[in-house]
């Protein structure tokens, strides 16, 4: 049997509006948290249109674009929330669509998990949701098993899904040095270098280093009324690690692209409930660009007044902290 899925009731109206758009295939992400008993779906975000897409391609599924969307959205989510599934709206036969959903579920999970610097624990939930609308059928796949077959999921709507969840937060002072090897010439190479924090025993030529100093504000959501301290600690730790890695990646990518000092600060989108998301604003961006990006990535209406930039001061990349290789 598949797992039960409880979705915030506002999603029903959102998905219905997407169904009413001109006939074309619509894809998107399901965002929430998984427990041992069920999946909780708090948000759905349509895949933004690709600028260079043709009319013909809009009726097909762009796996690369969907997975890149998932990667960027995953970076915005607080601890405890993640991309837990994908959805497709089309008129195709359900059997054909399930196969497409399966490919998307595994592609999204593989890309997101490739950026994690932690080893999955035994109590991690690995079932992911695949939702086909029209007819509406929900299924789940176990991403630990590449040969996993679709299992029916009981999909229900409910109000205030996360209203009783606990929110935990912390501040962590960071002072660390990341060594970089010689001959780094691309952002892909830098990403790999960061992951080699795992391989502390590997000896290799050092072409430079980056010192990271400052404070990380971490927030995590825990789904039940009696949260376990061990789970809250795990979610906070993972959020801190993800935030540090994302910040370092963005600063180094900015350096490679522009060869100028990169500065960024964390913008948090305030909401009426306990769920907030974050984005990063570079020094050459104004607030309207941040709101536009959040609107595009999450398909929500965001105004500048919704942004909270008081938690963190702008990060700086100082010349003495970055030593270039030969």
Protein backbone atom coordinates (compact mmCIF):
# COMPACT_ATOMS: atom_id res chain seq x y z
CA UNK A 1 0.00 0.00 0.00
CA UNK A 2 1.04 3.58 -0.61
CA UNK A 3 1.21 6.26 2.05
CA UNK A 4 -1.56 8.65 3.00
CA UNK A 5 -1.18 12.26 1.83
CA UNK A 6 -2.78 15.19 3.68
CA UNK A 7 -2.72 18.42 1.65
CA UNK A 8 -3.51 21.97 2.75
CA UNK A 9 -7.00 22.75 1.48
CA UNK A 10 -5.83 25.91 -0.33
CA UNK A 11 -4.01 23.58 -2.75
CA UNK A 12 -7.33 22.32 -4.08
CA UNK A 13 -8.22 25.76 -5.43
CA UNK A 14 -4.68 26.32 -6.72
CA UNK A 15 -4.59 23.05 -8.65
CA UNK A 16 -8.11 23.67 -9.96
CA UNK A 17 -7.02 27.03 -11.37
CA UNK A 18 -4.11 25.36 -13.12
CA UNK A 19 -6.54 22.85 -14.64
CA UNK A 20 -8.55 25.73 -16.08
CA UNK A 21 -5.65 27.15 -18.07
CA UNK A 22 -5.35 26.68 -21.86
CA UNK A 23 -4.79 23.07 -22.82
CA UNK A 24 -1.13 22.16 -22.27
CA UNK A 25 0.87 19.97 -19.95
CA UNK A 26 1.50 21.57 -16.55
CA UNK A 27 4.11 20.24 -14.14
CA UNK A 28 5.08 21.34 -10.65
CA UNK A 29 6.45 20.47 -7.25
CA UNK A 30 4.80 19.32 -4.04
CA UNK A 31 6.42 20.76 -0.91
CA UNK A 32 5.96 19.56 2.65
CA UNK A 33 7.17 17.06 5.20
CA UNK A 34 6.95 13.28 5.55
CA UNK A 35 6.35 11.31 8.72
CA UNK A 36 6.25 7.59 9.39
CA UNK A 37 2.47 7.57 8.98
CA UNK A 38 1.82 10.02 6.12
CA UNK A 39 2.98 12.85 3.88
CA UNK A 40 1.96 16.43 4.64
CA UNK A 41 1.73 18.68 1.57
CA UNK A 42 1.78 22.39 2.41
CA UNK A 43 2.54 24.00 -0.94
CA UNK A 44 2.45 23.29 -4.66
CA UNK A 45 4.52 25.30 -7.13
CA UNK A 46 4.05 25.18 -10.89
CA UNK A 47 7.19 24.80 -12.99
CA UNK A 48 7.92 28.28 -14.41
CA UNK A 49 7.80 28.55 -18.21
CA UNK A 50 11.11 28.32 -19.97
CA UNK A 51 11.91 31.46 -21.94
CA UNK A 52 13.15 29.59 -25.01
CA UNK A 53 10.34 27.01 -25.06
CA UNK A 54 8.28 26.57 -28.22
CA UNK A 55 4.56 25.87 -28.47
CA UNK A 56 5.26 22.22 -29.19
CA UNK A 57 7.57 21.80 -26.19
CA UNK A 58 4.97 23.27 -23.84
CA UNK A 59 2.91 20.12 -24.39
CA UNK A 60 5.79 17.87 -23.33
CA UNK A 61 7.66 17.44 -20.05
CA UNK A 62 11.09 19.06 -19.77
CA UNK A 63 12.76 16.85 -17.15
CA UNK A 64 15.89 18.99 -16.98
CA UNK A 65 13.89 22.16 -16.35
CA UNK A 66 11.68 20.50 -13.71
CA UNK A 67 14.68 19.18 -11.80
CA UNK A 68 16.49 22.53 -11.92
CA UNK A 69 13.35 24.18 -10.56
CA UNK A 70 13.30 21.63 -7.76
CA UNK A 71 16.95 22.33 -6.93
CA UNK A 72 16.38 26.08 -6.63
CA UNK A 73 13.19 25.70 -4.59
CA UNK A 74 14.90 23.20 -2.28
CA UNK A 75 17.50 25.85 -1.44
CA UNK A 76 14.74 28.23 -0.34
CA UNK A 77 13.02 25.91 2.12
CA UNK A 78 13.57 25.95 5.90
CA UNK A 79 14.60 22.89 7.86
CA UNK A 80 11.99 20.15 7.91
CA UNK A 81 10.42 21.11 4.59
CA UNK A 82 11.49 19.61 1.29
CA UNK A 83 10.32 18.75 -2.20
CA UNK A 84 8.39 15.56 -1.49
CA UNK A 85 6.81 14.99 -4.89
CA UNK A 86 5.81 16.21 -8.32
CA UNK A 87 2.51 16.68 -10.14
CA UNK A 88 1.37 16.68 -13.75
CA UNK A 89 -1.85 18.08 -15.20
CA UNK A 90 -2.72 16.75 -18.65
CA UNK A 91 -5.26 14.75 -20.63
CA UNK A 92 -2.98 11.80 -21.32
CA UNK A 93 -3.66 8.21 -20.40
CA UNK A 94 -2.98 7.58 -16.73
CA UNK A 95 -0.61 4.66 -17.41
CA UNK A 96 1.61 6.74 -19.70
CA UNK A 97 1.63 9.63 -17.24
CA UNK A 98 2.64 7.41 -14.30
CA UNK A 99 5.78 6.39 -16.21
CA UNK A 100 6.63 10.06 -16.81
CA UNK A 101 6.00 10.87 -13.15
CA UNK A 102 8.29 8.06 -12.08
CA UNK A 103 11.14 9.48 -14.18
CA UNK A 104 10.54 12.95 -12.72
CA UNK A 105 10.36 11.74 -9.12
CA UNK A 106 13.71 9.96 -9.34
CA UNK A 107 15.39 12.75 -11.36
CA UNK A 108 14.31 15.39 -8.82
CA UNK A 109 15.39 13.29 -5.85
CA UNK A 110 18.77 12.45 -7.38
CA UNK A 111 19.61 16.10 -8.09
CA UNK A 112 18.51 17.41 -4.69
CA UNK A 113 20.21 14.63 -2.73
CA UNK A 114 23.44 15.17 -4.70
CA UNK A 115 23.80 18.53 -2.93
CA UNK A 116 23.39 17.05 0.55
CA UNK A 117 26.56 16.78 2.61
CA UNK A 118 25.09 14.36 5.13
CA UNK A 119 24.58 10.62 5.10
CA UNK A 120 20.88 9.66 5.13
CA UNK A 121 19.74 8.17 8.43
CA UNK A 122 17.70 5.02 8.86
CA UNK A 123 14.60 6.97 9.93
CA UNK A 124 14.54 9.20 6.83
CA UNK A 125 11.30 8.79 4.86
CA UNK A 126 12.06 7.99 1.23
CA UNK A 127 8.59 7.67 -0.31
CA UNK A 128 7.86 10.49 -2.78
CA UNK A 129 4.49 11.59 -4.18
CA UNK A 130 3.53 11.42 -7.86
CA UNK A 131 0.21 13.18 -8.51
CA UNK A 132 -1.61 13.00 -11.84
CA UNK A 133 -4.55 15.34 -12.16
CA UNK A 134 -7.29 14.53 -14.68
CA UNK A 135 -8.13 12.01 -13.60
CA UNK A 136 -6.80 12.85 -10.11
CA UNK A 137 -4.81 9.90 -8.88
CA UNK A 138 -2.05 10.04 -6.30
CA UNK A 139 0.73 7.48 -6.10
CA UNK A 140 4.01 7.17 -4.24
CA UNK A 141 7.45 5.81 -5.16
CA UNK A 142 10.20 4.68 -2.80
CA UNK A 143 13.28 6.57 -4.07
CA UNK A 144 15.63 4.12 -2.37
CA UNK A 145 14.60 1.51 -4.94
CA UNK A 146 15.14 2.48 -8.61
CA UNK A 147 12.79 -0.35 -9.58
CA UNK A 148 10.04 0.83 -7.25
CA UNK A 149 6.56 0.53 -8.70
CA UNK A 150 3.77 3.03 -8.13
CA UNK A 151 1.65 2.47 -5.02
CA UNK A 152 -1.77 4.12 -4.60
CA UNK A 153 -1.87 6.98 -2.11
CA UNK A 154 -4.87 8.22 -0.17
CA UNK A 155 -5.00 11.96 -1.05
CA UNK A 156 -7.08 14.19 1.25
CA UNK A 157 -7.44 17.93 1.78
CA UNK A 158 -7.51 19.49 5.25
CA UNK A 159 -7.36 23.01 6.68
CA UNK A 160 -4.54 24.21 8.91
CA UNK A 161 -2.29 21.24 8.22
CA UNK A 162 0.73 22.84 9.87
CA UNK A 163 -1.06 25.12 12.35
CA UNK A 164 -0.09 22.96 15.32
CA UNK A 165 3.47 22.21 14.19
CA UNK A 166 6.38 23.22 16.36
CA UNK A 167 8.97 25.72 15.13
CA UNK A 168 12.51 25.47 16.45
CA UNK A 169 15.30 27.90 15.69
CA UNK A 170 18.90 28.57 16.54
CA UNK A 171 21.84 30.77 15.68
CA UNK A 172 25.20 29.19 14.86
CA UNK A 173 28.44 31.19 14.69
CA UNK A 174 30.57 29.96 11.79
CA UNK A 175 34.33 30.29 11.41
CA UNK A 176 35.67 27.74 8.98
CA UNK A 177 38.09 27.41 6.10
CA UNK A 178 37.33 25.57 2.86
CA UNK A 179 40.39 24.42 0.91
CA UNK A 180 40.18 24.44 -2.87
CA UNK A 181 42.36 22.33 -5.17
CA UNK A 182 44.31 23.56 -8.17
CA UNK A 183 42.83 24.03 -11.66
CA UNK A 184 39.26 24.85 -10.64
CA UNK A 185 37.66 26.37 -13.72
CA UNK A 186 33.91 25.85 -13.41
CA UNK A 187 31.03 26.06 -10.99
CA UNK A 188 30.59 22.29 -11.28
CA UNK A 189 34.17 21.87 -10.07
CA UNK A 190 33.57 24.18 -7.14
CA UNK A 191 30.47 22.23 -6.15
CA UNK A 192 32.49 19.01 -6.14
CA UNK A 193 35.21 20.67 -4.07
CA UNK A 194 32.67 21.61 -1.42
CA UNK A 195 31.38 18.04 -1.21
CA UNK A 196 34.98 16.87 -0.61
CA UNK A 197 34.55 18.29 2.92
CA UNK A 198 33.41 14.65 3.50
CA UNK A 199 36.84 13.31 2.43
CA UNK A 200 38.99 14.93 5.10
CA UNK A 201 41.65 12.23 4.78
CA UNK A 202 42.28 12.88 1.08
CA UNK A 203 45.57 14.68 0.44
CA UNK A 204 45.70 16.82 -2.70
CA UNK A 205 47.37 20.02 -3.92
CA UNK A 206 45.77 23.16 -2.53
CA UNK A 207 45.24 26.03 -4.96
CA UNK A 208 43.46 28.35 -2.56
CA UNK A 209 41.12 28.62 0.36
CA UNK A 210 37.97 30.41 1.42
CA UNK A 211 37.37 31.51 5.00
CA UNK A 212 33.71 31.62 5.97
CA UNK A 213 32.83 33.69 9.05
CA UNK A 214 29.52 34.91 10.39
CA UNK A 215 26.26 33.71 11.92
CA UNK A 216 23.68 31.37 10.45
CA UNK A 217 20.06 31.68 11.56
CA UNK A 218 18.37 28.30 11.20
CA UNK A 219 14.67 27.46 11.47
CA UNK A 220 13.03 24.06 11.28
CA UNK A 221 9.44 22.79 11.40
CA UNK A 222 8.47 19.57 13.18
CA UNK A 223 5.17 18.02 12.15
CA UNK A 224 3.65 16.64 15.36
CA UNK A 225 2.49 18.05 18.67
CA UNK A 226 5.05 16.06 20.64
CA UNK A 227 8.26 16.58 18.66
CA UNK A 228 11.29 14.56 19.60
CA UNK A 229 14.38 16.59 20.46
CA UNK A 230 16.50 14.25 18.32
CA UNK A 231 14.42 14.97 15.22
CA UNK A 232 14.49 18.73 15.82
CA UNK A 233 18.25 18.61 16.26
CA UNK A 234 18.70 16.66 13.03
CA UNK A 235 16.56 19.09 11.02
CA UNK A 236 18.38 22.12 12.42
CA UNK A 237 21.80 20.64 11.72
CA UNK A 238 20.85 19.82 8.13
CA UNK A 239 19.45 23.32 7.61
CA UNK A 240 22.66 24.90 8.92
CA UNK A 241 24.82 22.73 6.66
CA UNK A 242 22.65 23.46 3.61
CA UNK A 243 22.67 27.20 4.33
CA UNK A 244 26.46 27.36 4.68
CA UNK A 245 27.05 25.30 1.54
CA UNK A 246 24.55 27.32 -0.51
CA UNK A 247 26.07 30.61 0.65
CA UNK A 248 29.63 29.52 -0.20
CA UNK A 249 28.55 28.11 -3.57
CA UNK A 250 26.81 31.35 -4.52
CA UNK A 251 29.76 33.54 -3.52
CA UNK A 252 32.24 31.39 -5.44
CA UNK A 253 29.99 31.16 -8.49
CA UNK A 254 29.62 34.94 -8.46
CA UNK A 255 33.40 35.29 -8.26
CA UNK A 256 33.97 32.99 -11.25
CA UNK A 257 31.30 34.68 -13.35
CA UNK A 258 32.02 38.32 -12.62
CA UNK A 259 35.51 38.26 -11.11
CA UNK A 260 34.24 40.84 -8.67
CA UNK A 261 33.67 40.73 -4.95
CA UNK A 262 30.36 39.01 -4.26
CA UNK A 263 28.06 40.17 -1.50
CA UNK A 264 24.78 38.61 -0.60
CA UNK A 265 22.29 38.67 2.22
CA UNK A 266 19.46 36.37 3.16
CA UNK A 267 15.91 37.59 2.57
CA UNK A 268 13.09 35.82 4.37
CA UNK A 269 9.52 35.93 3.12
CA UNK A 270 7.15 36.47 6.02
CA UNK A 271 3.81 34.68 5.93
CA UNK A 272 0.57 34.62 7.87
CA UNK A 273 1.39 31.15 9.19
CA UNK A 274 4.48 29.39 10.54
CA UNK A 275 6.01 28.68 7.13
CA UNK A 276 8.58 31.04 5.63
CA UNK A 277 11.04 30.61 2.78
CA UNK A 278 14.32 32.36 2.05
CA UNK A 279 16.28 33.70 -0.88
CA UNK A 280 19.62 35.42 -1.35
CA UNK A 281 20.04 38.98 -2.61
CA UNK A 282 23.28 40.09 -4.20
CA UNK A 283 24.57 43.64 -3.95
CA UNK A 284 23.65 44.44 -7.55
CA UNK A 285 20.02 43.35 -7.05
CA UNK A 286 17.15 45.40 -5.72
CA UNK A 287 14.19 44.05 -3.77
CA UNK A 288 11.97 43.87 -6.84
CA UNK A 289 14.30 41.27 -8.36
CA UNK A 290 14.03 39.17 -5.19
CA UNK A 291 10.22 39.33 -5.22
CA UNK A 292 10.16 38.50 -8.93
CA UNK A 293 12.33 35.45 -8.37
CA UNK A 294 10.22 34.21 -5.48
CA UNK A 295 7.07 34.71 -7.53
CA UNK A 296 8.57 32.75 -10.42
CA UNK A 297 9.96 29.89 -8.33
CA UNK A 298 7.00 29.39 -5.96
CA UNK A 299 4.12 30.79 -8.05
CA UNK A 300 2.97 33.03 -5.19
CA UNK A 301 2.28 36.75 -4.90
CA UNK A 302 5.12 38.47 -3.06
CA UNK A 303 5.42 42.18 -2.25
CA UNK A 304 8.51 43.99 -0.98
CA UNK A 305 6.69 44.51 2.33
CA UNK A 306 6.66 40.72 2.77
CA UNK A 307 10.46 40.55 2.90
CA UNK A 308 12.39 40.45 6.17
CA UNK A 309 16.10 41.23 5.88
CA UNK A 310 16.77 41.88 9.56
CA UNK A 311 18.11 38.44 10.44
CA UNK A 312 21.38 38.68 8.56
CA UNK A 313 23.71 41.44 7.48
CA UNK A 314 25.19 41.28 3.96
CA UNK A 315 27.98 38.75 3.55
CA UNK A 316 31.24 39.94 2.13
CA UNK A 317 34.00 38.25 0.18
CA UNK A 318 37.21 40.01 1.16
CA UNK A 319 40.38 39.74 -0.87
CA UNK A 320 42.47 38.46 2.02
CA UNK A 321 40.00 35.62 2.53
CA UNK A 322 40.29 34.32 -1.03
CA UNK A 323 43.72 33.21 -2.24
CA UNK A 324 43.79 32.38 -5.91
CA UNK A 325 45.83 29.56 -7.33
CA UNK A 326 48.62 29.88 -9.81
